C-alpha atoms as a PDB file:
ATOM      1  CA  MET A   1      69.950 198.838 134.094  1.00  0.00           C
ATOM      2  CA  GLN A   2      71.319 195.298 134.105  1.00  0.00           C
ATOM      3  CA  ASP A   3      74.293 194.683 136.404  1.00  0.00           C
ATOM      4  CA  ASN A   4      76.234 193.059 133.538  1.00  0.00           C
ATOM      5  CA  ASP A   5      75.919 196.335 131.604  1.00  0.00           C
ATOM      6  CA  ARG A   6      78.145 197.957 134.189  1.00  0.00           C
ATOM      7  CA  SER A   7      80.385 195.139 135.402  1.00  0.00           C
ATOM      8  CA  ALA A   8      83.409 193.027 134.517  1.00  0.00           C
ATOM      9  CA  ILE A   9      83.827 189.427 135.716  1.00  0.00           C
ATOM     10  CA  ILE A  10      86.938 188.013 137.375  1.00  0.00           C
ATOM     11  CA  LYS A  11      87.687 184.703 139.059  1.00  0.00           C
ATOM     12  CA  ILE A  12      89.144 184.619 142.572  1.00  0.00           C
ATOM     13  CA  GLY A  13      89.908 181.114 143.755  1.00  0.00           C
ATOM     14  CA  ASP A  14      87.043 178.963 142.462  1.00  0.00           C
ATOM     15  CA  GLU A  15      84.426 181.728 142.422  1.00  0.00           C
ATOM     16  CA  GLU A  16      83.515 184.319 139.852  1.00  0.00           C
ATOM     17  CA  TYR A  17      82.935 187.867 141.038  1.00  0.00           C
ATOM     18  CA  GLN A  18      81.431 190.838 139.255  1.00  0.00           C
ATOM     19  CA  LEU A  19      83.396 194.047 139.553  1.00  0.00           C
ATOM     20  CA  ILE A  20      80.823 196.842 139.665  1.00  0.00           C
ATOM     21  CA  LEU A  21      81.422 200.568 139.908  1.00  0.00           C
ATOM     22  CA  THR A  22      78.581 201.822 142.100  1.00  0.00           C
ATOM     23  CA  THR A  23      78.059 205.289 143.531  1.00  0.00           C
ATOM     24  CA  LYS A  24      79.199 203.853 146.875  1.00  0.00           C
ATOM     25  CA  ALA A  25      82.431 202.552 145.303  1.00  0.00           C
ATOM     26  CA  THR A  26      82.974 205.844 143.467  1.00  0.00           C
ATOM     27  CA  LYS A  27      82.784 207.709 146.783  1.00  0.00           C
ATOM     28  CA  GLU A  28      85.356 205.345 148.339  1.00  0.00           C
ATOM     29  CA  ILE A  29      87.677 205.772 145.341  1.00  0.00           C
ATOM     30  CA  ALA A  30      87.288 209.562 145.530  1.00  0.00           C
ATOM     31  CA  LYS A  31      88.210 209.452 149.242  1.00  0.00           C
ATOM     32  CA  ARG A  32      91.349 207.431 148.530  1.00  0.00           C
ATOM     33  CA  TYR A  33      92.510 208.996 145.261  1.00  0.00           C
ATOM     34  CA  GLY A  34      90.763 212.356 145.068  1.00  0.00           C
ATOM     35  CA  GLY A  35      88.512 211.227 142.184  1.00  0.00           C
ATOM     36  CA  LEU A  36      88.173 208.652 139.423  1.00  0.00           C
ATOM     37  CA  GLU A  37      90.375 210.684 137.082  1.00  0.00           C
ATOM     38  CA  ASN A  38      93.325 210.275 139.497  1.00  0.00           C
ATOM     39  CA  LEU A  39      92.921 206.505 139.760  1.00  0.00           C
ATOM     40  CA  GLY A  40      94.474 205.586 136.398  1.00  0.00           C
ATOM     41  CA  THR A  41      97.415 207.893 137.051  1.00  0.00           C
ATOM     42  CA  LYS A  42      97.947 206.392 140.496  1.00  0.00           C
ATOM     43  CA  LEU A  43      97.847 202.813 139.173  1.00  0.00           C
ATOM     44  CA  MET A  44     100.240 203.518 136.300  1.00  0.00           C
ATOM     45  CA  LYS A  45     102.692 205.720 138.219  1.00  0.00           C
ATOM     46  CA  THR A  46     103.199 203.536 141.289  1.00  0.00           C
ATOM     47  CA  GLU A  47     106.903 202.660 141.133  1.00  0.00           C
ATOM     48  CA  ASN A  48     106.827 200.459 144.210  1.00  0.00           C
ATOM     49  CA  PHE A  49     105.621 196.978 143.153  1.00  0.00           C
ATOM     50  CA  GLU A  50     104.227 196.143 146.595  1.00  0.00           C
ATOM     51  CA  MET A  51     102.276 199.423 146.697  1.00  0.00           C
ATOM     52  CA  ALA A  52     100.924 198.777 143.202  1.00  0.00           C
ATOM     53  CA  LEU A  53      99.745 195.318 144.306  1.00  0.00           C
ATOM     54  CA  ASP A  54      98.121 196.831 147.399  1.00  0.00           C
ATOM     55  CA  GLU A  55      96.186 199.311 145.245  1.00  0.00           C
ATOM     56  CA  VAL A  56      94.955 196.611 142.835  1.00  0.00           C
ATOM     57  CA  VAL A  57      93.960 194.323 145.731  1.00  0.00           C
ATOM     58  CA  TRP A  58      92.070 197.209 147.401  1.00  0.00           C
ATOM     59  CA  LEU A  59      90.236 198.040 144.172  1.00  0.00           C
ATOM     60  CA  ILE A  60      89.339 194.418 143.413  1.00  0.00           C
ATOM     61  CA  THR A  61      88.046 193.952 146.958  1.00  0.00           C
ATOM     62  CA  LEU A  62      86.022 197.178 146.765  1.00  0.00           C
ATOM     63  CA  LEU A  63      84.511 196.514 143.319  1.00  0.00           C
ATOM     64  CA  ALA A  64      83.852 192.787 143.874  1.00  0.00           C
ATOM     65  CA  ASN A  65      82.173 193.548 147.203  1.00  0.00           C
ATOM     66  CA  GLN A  66      79.702 195.849 145.417  1.00  0.00           C
ATOM     67  CA  SER A  67      78.144 192.826 143.683  1.00  0.00           C
ATOM     68  CA  ILE A  68      78.017 190.957 147.022  1.00  0.00           C
ATOM     69  CA  LEU A  69      76.405 193.962 148.754  1.00  0.00           C
ATOM     70  CA  ILE A  70      73.811 194.188 145.958  1.00  0.00           C
ATOM     71  CA  HIS A  71      73.146 190.434 146.271  1.00  0.00           C
ATOM     72  CA  ASN A  72      72.766 190.749 150.058  1.00  0.00           C
ATOM     73  CA  LEU A  73      70.373 193.660 149.625  1.00  0.00           C
ATOM     74  CA  LYS A  74      68.133 191.652 147.279  1.00  0.00           C
ATOM     75  CA  ASN A  75      68.345 188.170 148.869  1.00  0.00           C
ATOM     76  CA  GLN A  76      67.681 186.498 152.219  1.00  0.00           C
ATOM     77  CA  GLU A  77      70.727 184.261 151.827  1.00  0.00           C
ATOM     78  CA  LYS A  78      73.677 186.550 152.602  1.00  0.00           C
ATOM     79  CA  ARG A  79      77.108 186.124 151.061  1.00  0.00           C
ATOM     80  CA  GLU A  80      80.260 186.966 152.984  1.00  0.00           C
ATOM     81  CA  LEU A  81      82.191 190.040 151.837  1.00  0.00           C
ATOM     82  CA  LEU A  82      85.677 189.588 150.435  1.00  0.00           C
ATOM     83  CA  THR A  83      88.606 190.861 152.452  1.00  0.00           C
ATOM     84  CA  GLU A  84      91.884 192.154 151.053  1.00  0.00           C
ATOM     85  CA  GLU A  85      93.604 189.224 152.781  1.00  0.00           C
ATOM     86  CA  THR A  86      91.324 186.729 150.991  1.00  0.00           C
ATOM     87  CA  VAL A  87      92.047 188.358 147.631  1.00  0.00           C
ATOM     88  CA  GLU A  88      95.797 188.270 148.356  1.00  0.00           C
ATOM     89  CA  LEU A  89      95.695 184.581 149.359  1.00  0.00           C
ATOM     90  CA  LEU A  90      93.592 183.393 146.411  1.00  0.00           C
ATOM     91  CA  THR A  91      95.350 185.311 143.624  1.00  0.00           C
ATOM     92  CA  SER A  92      98.808 185.498 142.079  1.00  0.00           C
ATOM     93  CA  PRO A  93     100.621 188.702 141.070  1.00  0.00           C
ATOM     94  CA  LEU A  94     100.194 187.629 137.443  1.00  0.00           C
ATOM     95  CA  GLU A  95      96.411 187.406 137.886  1.00  0.00           C
ATOM     96  CA  LEU A  96      96.366 190.813 139.583  1.00  0.00           C
ATOM     97  CA  ALA A  97      98.091 192.343 136.572  1.00  0.00           C
ATOM     98  CA  ALA A  98      95.364 190.886 134.337  1.00  0.00           C
ATOM     99  CA  TYR A  99      92.680 192.125 136.742  1.00  0.00           C
ATOM    100  CA  LYS A 100      93.843 195.706 136.158  1.00  0.00           C
ATOM    101  CA  ASN A 101      92.090 195.442 132.778  1.00  0.00           C
ATOM    102  CA  ALA A 102      88.906 194.184 134.448  1.00  0.00           C
ATOM    103  CA  ILE A 103      89.081 197.106 136.904  1.00  0.00           C
ATOM    104  CA  MET A 104      89.369 199.571 134.025  1.00  0.00           C
ATOM    105  CA  GLU A 105      86.521 197.806 132.174  1.00  0.00           C
ATOM    106  CA  ALA A 106      84.255 198.076 135.239  1.00  0.00           C
ATOM    107  CA  MET A 107      85.200 201.761 135.611  1.00  0.00           C
ATOM    108  CA  PHE A 108      84.494 202.431 131.944  1.00  0.00           C
ATOM    109  CA  LYS A 109      81.150 200.623 132.045  1.00  0.00           C
ATOM    110  CA  GLY A 110      80.203 202.357 135.276  1.00  0.00           C
ATOM    111  CA  THR A 111      80.826 205.823 133.850  1.00  0.00           C
ATOM    112  CA  LYS A 112      79.894 205.190 130.194  1.00  0.00           C
ATOM    113  CA  ARG A 113      76.159 205.770 130.592  1.00  0.00           C
ATOM    114  CA  ASN A 114      76.639 209.315 131.880  1.00  0.00           C
ATOM    115  CA  VAL A 115      78.985 210.207 129.046  1.00  0.00           C
ATOM    116  CA  GLU A 116      76.629 208.765 126.428  1.00  0.00           C
ATOM    117  CA  SER A 117      73.617 210.595 127.805  1.00  0.00           C
ATOM    118  CA  GLU A 118      75.537 213.892 127.922  1.00  0.00           C
ATOM    119  CA  ASP A 119      76.636 213.413 124.306  1.00  0.00           C
ATOM    120  CA  ASP A 120      73.096 212.509 123.292  1.00  0.00           C
ATOM    121  CA  LEU A 121      71.848 215.749 124.820  1.00  0.00           C
ATOM    122  CA  LYS A 122      74.458 217.800 122.962  1.00  0.00           C
ATOM    123  CA  ASN A 123      73.610 216.130 119.647  1.00  0.00           C
ATOM    124  CA  THR A 124      69.851 216.465 120.016  1.00  0.00           C
ATOM    125  CA  PRO A 125      68.608 219.219 117.704  1.00  0.00           C
ATOM    126  CA  ALA A 126      66.749 222.040 119.439  1.00  0.00           C
ATOM    127  CA  GLU A 127      63.055 222.090 118.670  1.00  0.00           C
END
């Protein structure tokens, strides 16, 4: 599977980052929110603006770092992981609002394959 099949691209500062939903990221999200299904609810229901920003920054950092971790696994030349502080310094609240869509796109792409294959199995006629 190509990484771009399961990622969304955002720009932080002068660099582009791929947001990728990996199994590792899914486990972290489950720890924090109790599962992927609770994530959307949490993002939409957060009344406190600062808390909402914190959640988006955490998610961007987590998902963008997946592409860096994959790069570091495959290459000798290691890239430094993003920190939440770096994301906060190099983005504006307006950009973070737009990145919510990229987060949802990465989530959708990361989970889409499983849904498609389950549907394909259901629709396959029995022999």
